[in-house]
Each structure stands twice: as structure tokens, then as C-alpha cells.
Amino acid sequence: MDEIMYDVENDFLWLKDAGVAIPVYNISEPKLPLVISENRNLFKLFFSDVGLLTSRYSNQVKMSILNKDKAINNGALFENMVAQELLAKGHKEYYFNSKKQGELDFVIELDGKVVPLEIKSGKDYKRHSALNNVLECEEYQISEGYIFSEGNVETVGRKVYMPIYMIMFLEEKKMENTIYKLDLSGLANRI
């Protein structure tokens, strides 16, 4: 059994290292630093390119996507595109899933804060009980959550709604004019 788990683990790592797949690991709680609560046994696996994902769809579904057919659920495409973009911007991406609070599509650290991201493809993009539950939990100290959808820019309380294409603007602020001081005075006594 251990040999099978080792083989499967290596297969997933090979897909990641080959640039074919993007693993997004589960966290047990959305608190800083996120890496502390990372669970390497639970993860979502995304294609490294939306084109790879859509190549797996039938021709009818591909045509429906191209024709912007409203009956098609674009959720998988949207989430895959967000996973790609977050990785391209250098974010370490996670997801959160709790029986009590629900599932957040993505959770990242942004400018020293935990930021939950919900990705919505349908008209009911303002329904997101997991995000509401996490924002209400004072223990997490999350100041705001972002919802990316086909809707417009809007802020409602601590929820910020943005069009899906705006994920490209989600990046860390650059630290400019940072001066590091190195104290080597302790070395003088050793020489």
C-alpha cells in the first residue's frame, strides 16, 4: 500500500514539475501564515493551461463555449484560469474546506493579509455562504473577501465583487527603497 501511495505521489509531483498541472493544497484554517496549516494530502489539481482543460471537452461543449451558450457551466474554466493567473503572479494558492463553514475556492496571502477568493460563473454570483461564514468568524481576522465573476465592480460590506478578468491585477505591493541593516558587531569579538 505504501508503494502505491509513493507512486501516486510521485506521479502528481511529476505533473507539477513538468508544468502540466497546478496543485492547490487545502489549509485547515485561513490564518497567517497559511503554509503552517497546509495539508499535502488534500489538494485540487488544475491544468496549467485552460486550453489543456478545454481539449478534454467534447466538440459540442467546445462550440457552446465559443458561442457563449448560457447553458454551459463555466465554473471549471474560471477556476482553472484563476489558478493559472495566481501562479503566474507568484502567489502560493490554497483552498479552504470546512464542514462547518463550507469551501472557499482559493485563499492567498496578499500584502500580509489572508484574502479569500470566490470564483463564480453564473448569475447567482452574490450567493457565497462559505465566504460569509469565514468573514463572520472573528478568529480569522479577515478584513475582506474578493468575488470574481461576470458581474461588475461593486463593494458590499467586506465583500468586493470584480469581473473575472481583473484577477490579473491581484498582485503583491512591491517593497521599494527597502534598506536592510546587517549587524556584524558580534563577529568582531570572534576574530
N, C-alpha and C. Protein backbone atom coordinates (compact mmCIF):
# COMPACT_ATOMS: atom_id res chain seq x y z
N MET A 1 0.83 -1.20 0.00
CA MET A 1 0.00 0.00 0.00
C MET A 1 0.87 1.26 0.00
N ASP A 2 1.93 1.27 0.82
CA ASP A 2 2.82 2.42 0.86
C ASP A 2 3.48 2.66 -0.49
N GLU A 3 3.80 1.56 -1.19
CA GLU A 3 4.43 1.67 -2.51
C GLU A 3 3.48 2.33 -3.51
N ILE A 4 2.20 1.99 -3.45
CA ILE A 4 1.20 2.60 -4.34
C ILE A 4 1.08 4.09 -4.06
N MET A 5 1.01 4.46 -2.75
CA MET A 5 0.91 5.88 -2.39
C MET A 5 2.15 6.64 -2.86
N TYR A 6 3.33 6.03 -2.75
CA TYR A 6 4.56 6.67 -3.20
C TYR A 6 4.52 6.91 -4.70
N ASP A 7 4.05 5.90 -5.46
CA ASP A 7 3.95 6.04 -6.91
C ASP A 7 2.99 7.15 -7.31
N VAL A 8 1.82 7.18 -6.66
CA VAL A 8 0.81 8.20 -6.97
C VAL A 8 1.35 9.58 -6.61
N GLU A 9 1.98 9.70 -5.45
CA GLU A 9 2.55 10.98 -5.04
C GLU A 9 3.59 11.45 -6.05
N ASN A 10 4.44 10.56 -6.49
CA ASN A 10 5.46 10.91 -7.48
C ASN A 10 4.84 11.30 -8.81
N ASP A 11 3.74 10.64 -9.21
CA ASP A 11 3.05 10.99 -10.46
C ASP A 11 2.54 12.43 -10.40
N PHE A 12 1.92 12.80 -9.27
CA PHE A 12 1.41 14.17 -9.14
C PHE A 12 2.55 15.17 -9.13
N LEU A 13 3.62 14.85 -8.43
CA LEU A 13 4.78 15.75 -8.41
C LEU A 13 5.39 15.87 -9.81
N TRP A 14 5.41 14.77 -10.54
CA TRP A 14 5.95 14.81 -11.91
C TRP A 14 5.10 15.74 -12.77
N LEU A 15 3.77 15.65 -12.66
CA LEU A 15 2.88 16.52 -13.43
C LEU A 15 3.12 17.99 -13.08
N LYS A 16 3.30 18.27 -11.78
CA LYS A 16 3.59 19.64 -11.34
C LYS A 16 4.93 20.11 -11.88
N ASP A 17 5.97 19.29 -11.69
CA ASP A 17 7.31 19.67 -12.12
C ASP A 17 7.42 19.80 -13.63
N ALA A 18 6.61 19.04 -14.36
CA ALA A 18 6.62 19.11 -15.81
C ALA A 18 5.85 20.32 -16.33
N GLY A 19 5.16 21.02 -15.42
CA GLY A 19 4.40 22.20 -15.83
C GLY A 19 3.06 21.86 -16.44
N VAL A 20 2.56 20.66 -16.20
CA VAL A 20 1.28 20.23 -16.77
C VAL A 20 0.14 20.52 -15.82
N ALA A 21 0.41 20.46 -14.51
CA ALA A 21 -0.65 20.60 -13.53
C ALA A 21 -0.26 21.58 -12.43
N ILE A 22 -1.28 22.15 -11.80
CA ILE A 22 -1.10 23.08 -10.69
C ILE A 22 -1.82 22.50 -9.48
N PRO A 23 -1.07 22.04 -8.47
CA PRO A 23 -1.74 21.57 -7.25
C PRO A 23 -2.08 22.76 -6.35
N VAL A 24 -3.28 22.76 -5.82
CA VAL A 24 -3.71 23.79 -4.86
C VAL A 24 -4.07 23.03 -3.59
N TYR A 25 -3.25 23.22 -2.55
CA TYR A 25 -3.39 22.44 -1.33
C TYR A 25 -4.42 23.03 -0.39
N ASN A 26 -5.02 22.14 0.38
CA ASN A 26 -6.00 22.50 1.39
C ASN A 26 -5.30 23.08 2.62
N ILE A 27 -5.94 24.03 3.26
CA ILE A 27 -5.47 24.54 4.55
C ILE A 27 -6.54 24.25 5.59
N SER A 28 -6.10 24.00 6.82
CA SER A 28 -7.06 23.67 7.88
C SER A 28 -7.71 24.91 8.49
N GLU A 29 -7.06 26.07 8.34
CA GLU A 29 -7.66 27.32 8.80
C GLU A 29 -7.06 28.49 8.03
N PRO A 30 -7.88 29.48 7.70
CA PRO A 30 -7.38 30.64 6.95
C PRO A 30 -6.75 31.69 7.86
N LYS A 31 -5.58 31.35 8.41
CA LYS A 31 -4.85 32.26 9.30
C LYS A 31 -3.40 32.29 8.86
N LEU A 32 -2.76 33.45 9.09
CA LEU A 32 -1.35 33.61 8.73
C LEU A 32 -0.44 32.82 9.66
N PRO A 33 0.65 32.31 9.18
CA PRO A 33 0.98 32.07 7.77
C PRO A 33 0.23 30.83 7.27
N LEU A 34 -0.27 30.90 6.06
CA LEU A 34 -1.09 29.83 5.51
C LEU A 34 -0.34 28.51 5.40
N VAL A 35 0.94 28.58 5.11
CA VAL A 35 1.72 27.36 4.91
C VAL A 35 1.74 26.47 6.17
N ILE A 36 1.54 27.05 7.34
CA ILE A 36 1.54 26.28 8.58
C ILE A 36 0.39 25.27 8.61
N SER A 37 -0.76 25.64 8.06
CA SER A 37 -1.91 24.74 8.12
C SER A 37 -2.14 23.99 6.80
N GLU A 38 -1.13 23.97 5.94
CA GLU A 38 -1.23 23.26 4.66
C GLU A 38 -1.33 21.76 4.89
N ASN A 39 -2.25 21.13 4.18
CA ASN A 39 -2.43 19.67 4.24
C ASN A 39 -2.04 19.11 2.87
N ARG A 40 -0.88 18.50 2.78
CA ARG A 40 -0.36 18.00 1.50
C ARG A 40 -1.12 16.77 1.00
N ASN A 41 -2.00 16.19 1.83
CA ASN A 41 -2.78 15.02 1.40
C ASN A 41 -4.08 15.41 0.71
N LEU A 42 -4.51 16.65 0.87
CA LEU A 42 -5.74 17.12 0.24
C LEU A 42 -5.40 18.26 -0.71
N PHE A 43 -5.76 18.10 -1.96
CA PHE A 43 -5.47 19.16 -2.92
C PHE A 43 -6.41 19.07 -4.12
N LYS A 44 -6.53 20.20 -4.81
CA LYS A 44 -7.21 20.26 -6.09
C LYS A 44 -6.11 20.30 -7.14
N LEU A 45 -6.35 19.69 -8.26
CA LEU A 45 -5.35 19.68 -9.32
C LEU A 45 -5.95 20.35 -10.55
N PHE A 46 -5.30 21.43 -10.99
CA PHE A 46 -5.75 22.17 -12.16
C PHE A 46 -4.77 21.96 -13.30
N PHE A 47 -5.26 22.08 -14.53
CA PHE A 47 -4.37 22.07 -15.68
C PHE A 47 -3.57 23.37 -15.68
N SER A 48 -2.37 23.33 -16.19
CA SER A 48 -1.54 24.54 -16.24
C SER A 48 -1.97 25.48 -17.35
N ASP A 49 -2.93 25.06 -18.15
CA ASP A 49 -3.41 25.89 -19.26
C ASP A 49 -4.88 25.56 -19.51
N VAL A 50 -5.70 26.58 -19.63
CA VAL A 50 -7.13 26.37 -19.88
C VAL A 50 -7.34 25.60 -21.19
N GLY A 51 -6.42 25.80 -22.14
CA GLY A 51 -6.52 25.06 -23.40
C GLY A 51 -6.42 23.56 -23.19
N LEU A 52 -5.58 23.12 -22.25
CA LEU A 52 -5.50 21.70 -21.93
C LEU A 52 -6.82 21.19 -21.37
N LEU A 53 -7.43 22.01 -20.52
CA LEU A 53 -8.72 21.63 -19.95
C LEU A 53 -9.78 21.51 -21.03
N THR A 54 -9.91 22.53 -21.85
CA THR A 54 -10.96 22.50 -22.87
C THR A 54 -10.70 21.43 -23.94
N SER A 55 -9.44 21.04 -24.12
CA SER A 55 -9.15 19.97 -25.09
C SER A 55 -9.77 18.65 -24.66
N ARG A 56 -10.07 18.51 -23.37
CA ARG A 56 -10.68 17.29 -22.84
C ARG A 56 -12.20 17.30 -23.03
N TYR A 57 -12.78 18.45 -23.39
CA TYR A 57 -14.23 18.56 -23.57
C TYR A 57 -14.63 18.02 -24.94
N SER A 58 -15.88 17.66 -25.05
CA SER A 58 -16.41 17.21 -26.35
C SER A 58 -16.49 18.40 -27.30
N ASN A 59 -16.57 18.11 -28.59
CA ASN A 59 -16.66 19.18 -29.59
C ASN A 59 -17.91 20.04 -29.39
N GLN A 60 -19.00 19.43 -28.97
CA GLN A 60 -20.24 20.18 -28.75
C GLN A 60 -20.05 21.20 -27.61
N VAL A 61 -19.38 20.78 -26.54
CA VAL A 61 -19.15 21.69 -25.42
C VAL A 61 -18.19 22.80 -25.84
N LYS A 62 -17.17 22.46 -26.60
CA LYS A 62 -16.24 23.49 -27.08
C LYS A 62 -16.98 24.54 -27.91
N MET A 63 -17.84 24.10 -28.78
CA MET A 63 -18.60 25.04 -29.61
C MET A 63 -19.55 25.89 -28.75
N SER A 64 -20.15 25.27 -27.75
CA SER A 64 -21.04 26.02 -26.86
C SER A 64 -20.27 27.10 -26.10
N ILE A 65 -19.05 26.78 -25.70
CA ILE A 65 -18.21 27.78 -25.01
C ILE A 65 -17.88 28.93 -25.96
N LEU A 66 -17.48 28.60 -27.17
CA LEU A 66 -17.15 29.64 -28.15
C LEU A 66 -18.34 30.51 -28.50
N ASN A 67 -19.53 29.91 -28.51
CA ASN A 67 -20.75 30.65 -28.84
C ASN A 67 -21.37 31.32 -27.62
N LYS A 68 -20.68 31.25 -26.48
CA LYS A 68 -21.14 31.86 -25.22
C LYS A 68 -22.55 31.40 -24.83
N ASP A 69 -22.77 30.11 -25.00
CA ASP A 69 -24.04 29.49 -24.63
C ASP A 69 -24.24 29.61 -23.12
N LYS A 70 -25.34 30.20 -22.70
CA LYS A 70 -25.61 30.44 -21.28
C LYS A 70 -25.88 29.14 -20.51
N ALA A 71 -26.19 28.06 -21.21
CA ALA A 71 -26.47 26.79 -20.55
C ALA A 71 -25.20 26.09 -20.07
N ILE A 72 -24.04 26.52 -20.56
CA ILE A 72 -22.77 25.90 -20.18
C ILE A 72 -22.30 26.46 -18.84
N ASN A 73 -21.87 25.57 -17.96
CA ASN A 73 -21.31 25.98 -16.67
C ASN A 73 -19.82 26.24 -16.87
N ASN A 74 -19.43 27.50 -16.78
CA ASN A 74 -18.03 27.88 -16.97
C ASN A 74 -17.22 27.84 -15.69
N GLY A 75 -17.77 27.30 -14.62
CA GLY A 75 -17.10 27.29 -13.33
C GLY A 75 -15.71 26.66 -13.38
N ALA A 76 -15.59 25.51 -14.01
CA ALA A 76 -14.28 24.84 -14.08
C ALA A 76 -13.29 25.67 -14.89
N LEU A 77 -13.75 26.29 -15.97
CA LEU A 77 -12.87 27.15 -16.77
C LEU A 77 -12.40 28.35 -15.97
N PHE A 78 -13.33 29.00 -15.29
CA PHE A 78 -12.99 30.18 -14.49
C PHE A 78 -11.99 29.83 -13.40
N GLU A 79 -12.26 28.74 -12.66
CA GLU A 79 -11.36 28.35 -11.58
C GLU A 79 -9.98 27.98 -12.11
N ASN A 80 -9.95 27.28 -13.24
CA ASN A 80 -8.66 26.89 -13.82
C ASN A 80 -7.88 28.12 -14.26
N MET A 81 -8.57 29.08 -14.86
CA MET A 81 -7.92 30.31 -15.30
C MET A 81 -7.36 31.09 -14.10
N VAL A 82 -8.11 31.12 -13.01
CA VAL A 82 -7.65 31.82 -11.80
C VAL A 82 -6.43 31.11 -11.22
N ALA A 83 -6.44 29.78 -11.18
CA ALA A 83 -5.28 29.03 -10.68
C ALA A 83 -4.04 29.37 -11.51
N GLN A 84 -4.19 29.43 -12.83
CA GLN A 84 -3.09 29.80 -13.72
C GLN A 84 -2.57 31.20 -13.42
N GLU A 85 -3.48 32.15 -13.31
CA GLU A 85 -3.10 33.55 -13.13
C GLU A 85 -2.44 33.78 -11.78
N LEU A 86 -2.98 33.15 -10.73
CA LEU A 86 -2.38 33.31 -9.41
C LEU A 86 -0.96 32.75 -9.40
N LEU A 87 -0.76 31.61 -10.04
CA LEU A 87 0.58 31.03 -10.13
C LEU A 87 1.51 31.94 -10.92
N ALA A 88 1.02 32.50 -12.03
CA ALA A 88 1.83 33.40 -12.86
C ALA A 88 2.24 34.66 -12.10
N LYS A 89 1.39 35.10 -11.18
CA LYS A 89 1.68 36.30 -10.38
C LYS A 89 2.53 35.98 -9.15
N GLY A 90 2.89 34.71 -8.99
CA GLY A 90 3.77 34.32 -7.89
C GLY A 90 3.07 34.02 -6.57
N HIS A 91 1.75 33.89 -6.60
CA HIS A 91 1.01 33.59 -5.37
C HIS A 91 1.11 32.10 -5.05
N LYS A 92 1.23 31.79 -3.77
CA LYS A 92 1.07 30.43 -3.30
C LYS A 92 -0.41 30.30 -3.01
N GLU A 93 -1.08 29.45 -3.75
CA GLU A 93 -2.54 29.36 -3.65
C GLU A 93 -2.98 28.14 -2.86
N TYR A 94 -4.03 28.32 -2.10
CA TYR A 94 -4.61 27.28 -1.27
C TYR A 94 -6.12 27.31 -1.45
N TYR A 95 -6.79 26.31 -0.88
CA TYR A 95 -8.23 26.37 -0.74
C TYR A 95 -8.57 25.94 0.68
N PHE A 96 -9.75 26.34 1.13
CA PHE A 96 -10.19 26.03 2.49
C PHE A 96 -11.51 25.30 2.40
N ASN A 97 -11.63 24.21 3.16
CA ASN A 97 -12.88 23.46 3.18
C ASN A 97 -13.14 22.99 4.60
N SER A 98 -14.29 23.37 5.11
CA SER A 98 -14.69 23.03 6.47
C SER A 98 -16.14 22.57 6.44
N LYS A 99 -16.45 21.49 7.14
CA LYS A 99 -17.84 21.02 7.20
C LYS A 99 -18.75 22.10 7.80
N LYS A 100 -18.20 22.84 8.75
CA LYS A 100 -18.99 23.86 9.44
C LYS A 100 -19.17 25.13 8.60
N GLN A 101 -18.12 25.54 7.87
CA GLN A 101 -18.16 26.83 7.18
C GLN A 101 -18.31 26.73 5.67
N GLY A 102 -17.96 25.63 5.08
CA GLY A 102 -18.05 25.48 3.63
C GLY A 102 -16.70 25.56 2.96
N GLU A 103 -16.71 25.70 1.65
CA GLU A 103 -15.47 25.71 0.88
C GLU A 103 -15.22 27.06 0.21
N LEU A 104 -14.00 27.55 0.38
CA LEU A 104 -13.54 28.73 -0.33
C LEU A 104 -12.70 28.24 -1.51
N ASP A 105 -12.96 28.78 -2.70
CA ASP A 105 -12.27 28.32 -3.90
C ASP A 105 -10.76 28.50 -3.79
N PHE A 106 -10.32 29.67 -3.35
CA PHE A 106 -8.89 29.96 -3.20
C PHE A 106 -8.69 30.83 -1.97
N VAL A 107 -7.52 30.68 -1.36
CA VAL A 107 -7.10 31.54 -0.26
C VAL A 107 -5.63 31.85 -0.52
N ILE A 108 -5.30 33.15 -0.47
CA ILE A 108 -3.92 33.56 -0.70
C ILE A 108 -3.50 34.55 0.39
N GLU A 109 -2.20 34.76 0.49
CA GLU A 109 -1.66 35.84 1.31
C GLU A 109 -1.38 37.00 0.36
N LEU A 110 -1.92 38.17 0.69
CA LEU A 110 -1.73 39.35 -0.15
C LEU A 110 -1.40 40.53 0.74
N ASP A 111 -0.23 41.09 0.56
CA ASP A 111 0.21 42.24 1.35
C ASP A 111 0.09 41.99 2.85
N GLY A 112 0.48 40.80 3.26
CA GLY A 112 0.49 40.46 4.67
C GLY A 112 -0.86 40.12 5.27
N LYS A 113 -1.86 39.89 4.44
CA LYS A 113 -3.20 39.55 4.91
C LYS A 113 -3.69 38.27 4.24
N VAL A 114 -4.59 37.58 4.91
CA VAL A 114 -5.27 36.43 4.31
C VAL A 114 -6.42 36.96 3.47
N VAL A 115 -6.47 36.54 2.20
CA VAL A 115 -7.53 37.00 1.31
C VAL A 115 -8.23 35.79 0.68
N PRO A 116 -9.51 35.58 1.03
CA PRO A 116 -10.28 34.52 0.39
C PRO A 116 -10.81 34.98 -0.97
N LEU A 117 -10.80 34.07 -1.94
CA LEU A 117 -11.27 34.37 -3.29
C LEU A 117 -12.37 33.38 -3.67
N GLU A 118 -13.48 33.90 -4.09
CA GLU A 118 -14.56 33.07 -4.61
C GLU A 118 -14.67 33.32 -6.11
N ILE A 119 -14.81 32.26 -6.88
CA ILE A 119 -14.89 32.35 -8.33
C ILE A 119 -16.27 31.88 -8.74
N LYS A 120 -17.03 32.76 -9.37
CA LYS A 120 -18.41 32.46 -9.73
C LYS A 120 -18.61 32.63 -11.23
N SER A 121 -19.34 31.69 -11.82
CA SER A 121 -19.57 31.75 -13.27
C SER A 121 -21.02 32.05 -13.63
N GLY A 122 -21.92 31.91 -12.70
CA GLY A 122 -23.33 32.09 -13.03
C GLY A 122 -23.90 33.41 -12.58
N LYS A 123 -25.23 33.52 -12.73
CA LYS A 123 -25.91 34.76 -12.36
C LYS A 123 -26.07 34.91 -10.85
N ASP A 124 -25.97 33.81 -10.12
CA ASP A 124 -26.14 33.88 -8.66
C ASP A 124 -24.80 34.12 -7.96
N TYR A 125 -23.96 34.95 -8.55
CA TYR A 125 -22.63 35.19 -8.02
C TYR A 125 -22.63 35.91 -6.67
N LYS A 126 -23.77 36.39 -6.24
CA LYS A 126 -23.83 37.07 -4.94
C LYS A 126 -24.19 36.09 -3.81
N ARG A 127 -24.33 34.82 -4.15
CA ARG A 127 -24.57 33.79 -3.14
C ARG A 127 -23.26 33.08 -2.86
N HIS A 128 -22.77 33.19 -1.63
CA HIS A 128 -21.50 32.57 -1.26
C HIS A 128 -21.45 32.39 0.24
N SER A 129 -22.15 31.38 0.72
CA SER A 129 -22.29 31.18 2.16
C SER A 129 -20.95 30.89 2.85
N ALA A 130 -20.05 30.16 2.20
CA ALA A 130 -18.75 29.87 2.83
C ALA A 130 -17.98 31.16 3.08
N LEU A 131 -17.96 32.05 2.11
CA LEU A 131 -17.26 33.33 2.29
C LEU A 131 -17.90 34.13 3.42
N ASN A 132 -19.22 34.17 3.45
CA ASN A 132 -19.92 34.88 4.54
C ASN A 132 -19.53 34.29 5.89
N ASN A 133 -19.51 32.96 5.99
CA ASN A 133 -19.17 32.30 7.26
C ASN A 133 -17.75 32.63 7.70
N VAL A 134 -16.81 32.62 6.78
CA VAL A 134 -15.42 32.90 7.12
C VAL A 134 -15.23 34.36 7.51
N LEU A 135 -15.88 35.27 6.79
CA LEU A 135 -15.77 36.69 7.13
C LEU A 135 -16.36 37.00 8.50
N GLU A 136 -17.40 36.27 8.88
CA GLU A 136 -18.04 36.49 10.18
C GLU A 136 -17.24 35.91 11.34
N CYS A 137 -16.33 34.99 11.07
CA CYS A 137 -15.54 34.36 12.12
C CYS A 137 -14.42 35.31 12.57
N GLU A 138 -14.58 35.88 13.75
CA GLU A 138 -13.61 36.86 14.26
C GLU A 138 -12.24 36.25 14.48
N GLU A 139 -12.19 34.97 14.75
CA GLU A 139 -10.92 34.28 14.99
C GLU A 139 -9.96 34.41 13.80
N TYR A 140 -10.50 34.46 12.58
CA TYR A 140 -9.67 34.50 11.38
C TYR A 140 -9.15 35.91 11.07
N GLN A 141 -9.83 36.93 11.54
CA GLN A 141 -9.42 38.33 11.33
C GLN A 141 -9.22 38.65 9.84
N ILE A 142 -10.16 38.25 9.03
CA ILE A 142 -10.09 38.53 7.58
C ILE A 142 -10.86 39.82 7.31
N SER A 143 -10.16 40.79 6.72
CA SER A 143 -10.77 42.10 6.54
C SER A 143 -11.71 42.17 5.34
N GLU A 144 -11.42 41.40 4.27
CA GLU A 144 -12.31 41.42 3.11
C GLU A 144 -12.09 40.18 2.26
N GLY A 145 -13.09 39.88 1.46
CA GLY A 145 -13.02 38.76 0.53
C GLY A 145 -13.35 39.26 -0.87
N TYR A 146 -12.77 38.61 -1.87
CA TYR A 146 -13.00 39.01 -3.26
C TYR A 146 -13.81 37.94 -3.98
N ILE A 147 -14.77 38.41 -4.75
CA ILE A 147 -15.59 37.53 -5.58
C ILE A 147 -15.36 37.93 -7.03
N PHE A 148 -14.87 37.00 -7.83
CA PHE A 148 -14.62 37.24 -9.25
C PHE A 148 -15.71 36.53 -10.04
N SER A 149 -16.35 37.28 -10.96
CA SER A 149 -17.47 36.75 -11.72
C SER A 149 -17.61 37.52 -13.03
N GLU A 150 -18.72 37.31 -13.69
CA GLU A 150 -19.01 38.07 -14.90
C GLU A 150 -19.74 39.37 -14.57
N GLY A 151 -19.88 39.65 -13.27
CA GLY A 151 -20.53 40.89 -12.83
C GLY A 151 -19.59 42.08 -12.92
N ASN A 152 -20.03 43.18 -12.36
CA ASN A 152 -19.27 44.42 -12.41
C ASN A 152 -18.58 44.68 -11.07
N VAL A 153 -17.81 45.75 -10.99
CA VAL A 153 -17.14 46.14 -9.77
C VAL A 153 -18.17 46.68 -8.79
N GLU A 154 -18.09 46.16 -7.55
CA GLU A 154 -19.03 46.58 -6.52
C GLU A 154 -18.48 46.16 -5.17
N THR A 155 -18.71 46.97 -4.15
CA THR A 155 -18.33 46.60 -2.79
C THR A 155 -19.58 46.57 -1.94
N VAL A 156 -19.78 45.46 -1.25
CA VAL A 156 -20.91 45.30 -0.34
C VAL A 156 -20.33 44.84 1.00
N GLY A 157 -20.26 45.75 1.94
CA GLY A 157 -19.66 45.43 3.23
C GLY A 157 -18.18 45.08 3.04
N ARG A 158 -17.81 43.88 3.45
CA ARG A 158 -16.43 43.43 3.34
C ARG A 158 -16.22 42.52 2.14
N LYS A 159 -17.18 42.53 1.23
CA LYS A 159 -17.08 41.72 0.00
C LYS A 159 -16.87 42.64 -1.19
N VAL A 160 -15.84 42.33 -1.97
CA VAL A 160 -15.51 43.12 -3.15
C VAL A 160 -15.77 42.26 -4.38
N TYR A 161 -16.69 42.70 -5.23
CA TYR A 161 -17.03 42.00 -6.46
C TYR A 161 -16.24 42.61 -7.61
N MET A 162 -15.66 41.74 -8.45
CA MET A 162 -14.89 42.22 -9.60
C MET A 162 -15.12 41.30 -10.79
N PRO A 163 -15.02 41.85 -12.00
CA PRO A 163 -15.10 41.00 -13.19
C PRO A 163 -13.94 40.00 -13.19
N ILE A 164 -14.16 38.83 -13.73
CA ILE A 164 -13.19 37.76 -13.70
C ILE A 164 -11.84 38.17 -14.29
N TYR A 165 -11.83 39.02 -15.31
CA TYR A 165 -10.56 39.39 -15.94
C TYR A 165 -9.67 40.20 -14.99
N MET A 166 -10.25 40.79 -13.94
CA MET A 166 -9.46 41.62 -13.03
C MET A 166 -8.56 40.81 -12.10
N ILE A 167 -8.62 39.50 -12.19
CA ILE A 167 -7.71 38.67 -11.40
C ILE A 167 -6.26 39.00 -11.75
N MET A 168 -6.03 39.50 -12.96
CA MET A 168 -4.66 39.82 -13.38
C MET A 168 -4.05 40.98 -12.57
N PHE A 169 -4.88 41.75 -11.90
CA PHE A 169 -4.38 42.89 -11.13
C PHE A 169 -4.11 42.53 -9.66
N LEU A 170 -4.33 41.31 -9.29
CA LEU A 170 -4.16 40.87 -7.91
C LEU A 170 -2.70 40.49 -7.67
N GLU A 171 -1.91 41.47 -7.25
CA GLU A 171 -0.50 41.20 -7.01
C GLU A 171 -0.01 41.94 -5.78
N GLU A 172 1.06 41.40 -5.21
CA GLU A 172 1.66 41.99 -4.02
C GLU A 172 2.17 43.40 -4.33
N LYS A 173 2.06 44.28 -3.36
CA LYS A 173 2.69 45.59 -3.49
C LYS A 173 4.19 45.39 -3.41
N LYS A 174 4.91 46.07 -4.26
CA LYS A 174 6.36 45.95 -4.26
C LYS A 174 6.93 46.80 -3.12
N MET A 175 7.88 46.22 -2.44
CA MET A 175 8.57 46.95 -1.38
C MET A 175 9.70 47.74 -2.02
N GLU A 176 9.54 49.06 -2.04
CA GLU A 176 10.55 49.91 -2.66
C GLU A 176 11.38 50.60 -1.60
N ASN A 177 12.61 50.90 -1.97
CA ASN A 177 13.53 51.62 -1.09
C ASN A 177 13.69 50.94 0.27
N THR A 178 13.70 49.62 0.24
CA THR A 178 13.90 48.87 1.48
C THR A 178 15.38 48.83 1.80
N ILE A 179 15.71 49.20 3.01
CA ILE A 179 17.11 49.21 3.44
C ILE A 179 17.27 48.14 4.51
N TYR A 180 18.17 47.23 4.24
CA TYR A 180 18.47 46.19 5.20
C TYR A 180 19.75 46.57 5.94
N LYS A 181 19.72 46.47 7.24
CA LYS A 181 20.91 46.75 8.04
C LYS A 181 21.38 45.43 8.63
N LEU A 182 22.64 45.15 8.43
CA LEU A 182 23.23 43.92 8.90
C LEU A 182 24.16 44.25 10.06
N ASP A 183 23.90 43.70 11.21
CA ASP A 183 24.71 43.94 12.39
C ASP A 183 25.77 42.84 12.51
N LEU A 184 27.00 43.18 12.21
CA LEU A 184 28.12 42.23 12.28
C LEU A 184 28.98 42.47 13.51
N SER A 185 28.51 43.28 14.44
CA SER A 185 29.32 43.62 15.62
C SER A 185 29.67 42.39 16.45
N GLY A 186 28.84 41.40 16.45
CA GLY A 186 29.12 40.17 17.20
C GLY A 186 30.27 39.38 16.63
N LEU A 187 30.58 39.58 15.35
CA LEU A 187 31.70 38.87 14.72
C LEU A 187 33.03 39.45 15.14
N ALA A 188 33.09 40.72 15.47
CA ALA A 188 34.35 41.39 15.82
C ALA A 188 35.00 40.73 17.03
N ASN A 189 34.22 40.25 17.96
CA ASN A 189 34.76 39.61 19.16
C ASN A 189 35.32 38.21 18.88
N ARG A 190 34.93 37.61 17.77
CA ARG A 190 35.36 36.25 17.47
C ARG A 190 36.65 36.22 16.67
N ILE A 191 37.04 37.32 16.09
CA ILE A 191 38.24 37.34 15.23
C ILE A 191 39.49 37.56 16.03
